[in-house]
Amino acid sequence: MIKGTQEMKRVLNVGGNSKQIQLPPEYADFEHLLLDIDPRGSPDIVCDARELSTLESGQFDAVYCSHNLEHYYRHDVPRVLAGFLHVLKEGGFAQIRVPDINAVMRITIEQGLDIDDVLYESPAGPIMALDVLYGYSVEIERSQQDFYAHKTGFTQKSLLAALQRSGFSKTYSMTGNLEISALAFKGEPDQAARSLFSLPGD
């Protein structure tokens, strides 16, 4: 008797730019599909995240979206999040990482920084307070593409509220290093997801 093989879980990396940028280790056993509006990074799917409803529904176990949601106007955020729910399977989750505007404003004031002063050093180079608020100015100038600009921002409270309004049933979040990281579930998280992210039991 031939035993069936377990189907590999799939993660949709929304706005990830290139597969050269590795996903967090939690996704090591997932099939990685990259979706991006910019074809230069050779994404598997060239698509604006506001149009996720045009894709087949319920085909992904996870959506990973790192520093992309802030590139949409506030009124478009519900449309993007609805797209996440559309492509997720029941019990699937979205992991969303965005700049923590509360922390950026607090540090800027506490350290007496100007908007053009360097907030921190990154592998891409120095990052000004202005870059976190409005988008990485070097890339915007280099690419001449408006989609690299930041069009909205989030605090931990506002991000969780947006996820809950969009229909995610269970959310978890943490802050650190000028970033908010949130997990949002379509339905109830199963034991595998709880173990993967060390989530508390209910």
Protein backbone atom coordinates (compact mmCIF):
# COMPACT_ATOMS: atom_id res chain seq x y z
CA MET A 1 0.00 0.00 0.00
CA ILE A 2 1.41 3.38 -1.03
CA LYS A 3 1.13 6.03 1.64
CA GLY A 4 0.02 9.47 0.49
CA THR A 5 2.47 12.32 0.85
CA GLN A 6 1.46 15.39 2.80
CA GLU A 7 0.84 18.38 0.57
CA MET A 8 3.43 21.13 1.00
CA LYS A 9 2.11 24.32 2.56
CA ARG A 10 2.24 27.45 0.42
CA VAL A 11 3.08 31.03 1.38
CA LEU A 12 2.38 34.07 -0.81
CA ASN A 13 5.05 36.71 -0.27
CA VAL A 14 3.29 39.99 -1.08
CA GLY A 15 5.54 42.84 -2.17
CA GLY A 16 8.73 40.97 -1.27
CA ASN A 17 10.74 42.45 -4.18
CA SER A 18 12.94 39.40 -4.87
CA LYS A 19 13.42 35.82 -3.73
CA GLN A 20 17.02 36.80 -2.97
CA ILE A 21 15.51 38.32 0.19
CA GLN A 22 14.94 35.31 2.40
CA LEU A 23 11.75 34.70 4.33
CA PRO A 24 11.90 34.14 8.11
CA PRO A 25 12.86 30.59 9.18
CA GLU A 26 9.23 29.75 10.05
CA TYR A 27 8.62 29.40 6.31
CA ALA A 28 11.46 26.97 5.62
CA ASP A 29 9.03 24.13 4.82
CA PHE A 30 6.62 26.26 2.78
CA GLU A 31 6.50 26.57 -1.00
CA HIS A 32 7.38 30.25 -1.59
CA LEU A 33 5.52 32.21 -4.27
CA LEU A 34 6.48 35.85 -4.73
CA LEU A 35 3.94 38.49 -5.78
CA ASP A 36 5.12 41.99 -6.63
CA ILE A 37 4.01 44.92 -8.77
CA ASP A 38 7.60 45.45 -9.98
CA PRO A 39 8.73 42.81 -12.52
CA ARG A 40 12.43 43.60 -11.99
CA GLY A 41 12.70 41.12 -9.10
CA SER A 42 11.30 38.25 -11.23
CA PRO A 43 8.20 37.58 -9.12
CA ASP A 44 6.10 34.48 -9.76
CA ILE A 45 3.03 36.74 -9.98
CA VAL A 46 3.18 40.34 -11.24
CA CYS A 47 0.21 41.98 -9.56
CA ASP A 48 -0.82 45.02 -7.54
CA ALA A 49 -1.79 43.80 -4.05
CA ARG A 50 -5.04 45.75 -4.38
CA GLU A 51 -6.03 43.22 -7.06
CA LEU A 52 -5.57 40.00 -5.08
CA SER A 53 -9.27 39.24 -5.48
CA THR A 54 -8.50 38.43 -9.14
CA LEU A 55 -6.48 35.38 -8.02
CA GLU A 56 -7.91 31.97 -7.20
CA SER A 57 -9.42 31.95 -3.73
CA GLY A 58 -8.29 29.80 -0.81
CA GLN A 59 -5.03 28.62 -2.31
CA PHE A 60 -2.46 29.70 0.32
CA ASP A 61 -1.78 28.61 3.87
CA ALA A 62 0.00 31.87 4.66
CA VAL A 63 0.54 35.39 3.37
CA TYR A 64 3.78 37.15 4.28
CA CYS A 65 3.81 40.92 3.80
CA SER A 66 6.89 42.75 5.06
CA HIS A 67 7.06 46.55 4.78
CA ASN A 68 4.58 46.71 1.94
CA LEU A 69 1.20 47.60 3.48
CA GLU A 70 2.35 51.16 4.18
CA HIS A 71 2.83 51.68 0.43
CA TYR A 72 -0.96 51.95 -0.04
CA TYR A 73 -3.23 54.85 0.81
CA ARG A 74 -5.23 54.40 4.00
CA HIS A 75 -8.47 53.91 2.06
CA ASP A 76 -6.85 51.08 0.04
CA VAL A 77 -5.62 49.12 3.09
CA PRO A 78 -8.99 47.34 3.61
CA ARG A 79 -8.92 46.28 -0.04
CA VAL A 80 -5.43 44.77 0.35
CA LEU A 81 -6.38 42.99 3.57
CA ALA A 82 -9.57 41.66 1.97
CA GLY A 83 -7.32 40.25 -0.75
CA PHE A 84 -5.25 38.46 1.88
CA LEU A 85 -8.40 36.83 3.24
CA HIS A 86 -9.49 35.94 -0.31
CA VAL A 87 -6.34 33.96 -1.14
CA LEU A 88 -6.00 32.31 2.31
CA LYS A 89 -7.37 28.90 3.16
CA GLU A 90 -9.61 28.57 6.20
CA GLY A 91 -7.30 28.52 9.21
CA GLY A 92 -4.57 30.29 7.24
CA PHE A 93 -2.78 33.38 8.46
CA ALA A 94 -1.20 36.62 7.31
CA GLN A 95 2.05 37.86 8.83
CA ILE A 96 2.37 41.61 8.38
CA ARG A 97 5.37 43.76 9.26
CA VAL A 98 5.25 47.56 9.06
CA PRO A 99 7.20 50.50 10.51
CA ASP A 100 6.12 51.45 14.04
CA ILE A 101 5.23 55.12 13.65
CA ASN A 102 4.73 55.55 17.40
CA ALA A 103 8.30 54.43 18.04
CA VAL A 104 9.71 56.52 15.18
CA MET A 105 8.02 59.68 16.47
CA ARG A 106 9.04 58.98 20.07
CA ILE A 107 12.72 58.40 19.24
CA THR A 108 12.82 61.40 16.89
CA ILE A 109 11.55 63.65 19.68
CA GLU A 110 13.59 62.07 22.49
CA GLN A 111 16.84 62.33 20.51
CA GLY A 112 16.06 65.77 19.12
CA LEU A 113 16.37 64.54 15.53
CA ASP A 114 15.40 66.52 12.46
CA ILE A 115 13.41 64.77 9.75
CA ASP A 116 16.57 64.66 7.58
CA ASP A 117 18.74 63.17 10.35
CA VAL A 118 19.79 59.52 10.25
CA LEU A 119 17.53 57.35 12.40
CA TYR A 120 19.52 54.13 11.93
CA GLU A 121 21.98 52.38 9.59
CA SER A 122 20.65 49.58 7.37
CA PRO A 123 22.30 47.18 4.87
CA ALA A 124 20.98 49.53 2.15
CA GLY A 125 22.59 52.55 3.81
CA PRO A 126 21.60 55.27 6.27
CA ILE A 127 17.86 55.62 6.92
CA MET A 128 16.52 59.07 7.77
CA ALA A 129 13.39 59.68 9.82
CA LEU A 130 11.91 61.00 6.57
CA ASP A 131 12.56 57.64 4.85
CA VAL A 132 10.53 55.71 7.43
CA LEU A 133 7.65 58.15 7.22
CA TYR A 134 7.51 58.69 3.47
CA GLY A 135 9.47 55.85 1.86
CA TYR A 136 13.13 55.21 1.12
CA SER A 137 14.04 58.36 -0.79
CA VAL A 138 17.10 56.83 -2.48
CA GLU A 139 15.00 54.07 -4.10
CA ILE A 140 12.17 56.42 -5.02
CA GLU A 141 14.62 58.73 -6.82
CA ARG A 142 16.54 55.87 -8.43
CA SER A 143 13.48 54.00 -9.70
CA GLN A 144 11.26 57.01 -10.41
CA GLN A 145 8.40 54.77 -9.27
CA ASP A 146 5.69 56.18 -7.05
CA PHE A 147 4.85 52.75 -5.62
CA TYR A 148 8.03 52.89 -3.52
CA ALA A 149 6.63 55.82 -1.54
CA HIS A 150 4.86 55.34 1.80
CA LYS A 151 1.27 56.51 1.65
CA THR A 152 0.09 55.63 5.14
CA GLY A 153 1.46 54.54 8.50
CA PHE A 154 0.53 52.38 11.46
CA THR A 155 0.72 52.12 15.20
CA GLN A 156 0.20 48.76 16.89
CA LYS A 157 -3.33 49.82 17.82
CA SER A 158 -4.28 51.05 14.34
CA LEU A 159 -2.87 47.98 12.56
CA LEU A 160 -4.77 45.56 14.80
CA ALA A 161 -7.95 47.60 14.36
CA ALA A 162 -7.57 47.48 10.55
CA LEU A 163 -7.08 43.70 10.65
CA GLN A 164 -10.13 43.17 12.86
CA ARG A 165 -12.33 45.44 10.72
CA SER A 166 -11.28 43.47 7.64
CA GLY A 167 -12.59 40.20 9.11
CA PHE A 168 -9.56 38.46 10.57
CA SER A 169 -10.84 36.47 13.54
CA LYS A 170 -7.73 36.22 15.73
CA THR A 171 -4.76 38.60 15.87
CA TYR A 172 -1.44 38.69 17.71
CA SER A 173 1.21 41.40 17.59
CA MET A 174 4.55 42.54 18.95
CA THR A 175 6.78 45.58 18.55
CA GLY A 176 10.52 46.11 18.49
CA ASN A 177 13.31 47.68 16.41
CA LEU A 178 10.96 50.38 15.06
CA GLU A 179 8.66 47.68 13.65
CA ILE A 180 5.25 46.14 14.30
CA SER A 181 4.81 42.46 13.49
CA ALA A 182 1.28 41.07 13.45
CA LEU A 183 -0.20 37.62 12.86
CA ALA A 184 -3.81 37.58 11.70
CA PHE A 185 -5.81 34.37 11.23
CA LYS A 186 -8.70 33.47 8.97
CA GLY A 187 -10.53 31.29 11.42
CA GLU A 188 -8.86 29.64 14.39
CA PRO A 189 -5.11 28.91 14.47
CA ASP A 190 -4.40 25.19 14.51
CA GLN A 191 -1.82 23.50 16.70
CA ALA A 192 0.79 23.58 13.94
CA ALA A 193 0.53 27.37 13.66
CA ARG A 194 0.56 27.78 17.44
CA SER A 195 3.76 25.71 17.64
CA LEU A 196 5.36 27.50 14.67
CA PHE A 197 5.00 30.92 16.28
CA SER A 198 4.90 29.85 19.96
CA LEU A 199 1.40 31.24 20.35
CA PRO A 200 -0.41 30.87 23.67
CA GLY A 201 -3.30 28.42 23.90
CA ASP A 202 -6.80 29.77 24.51
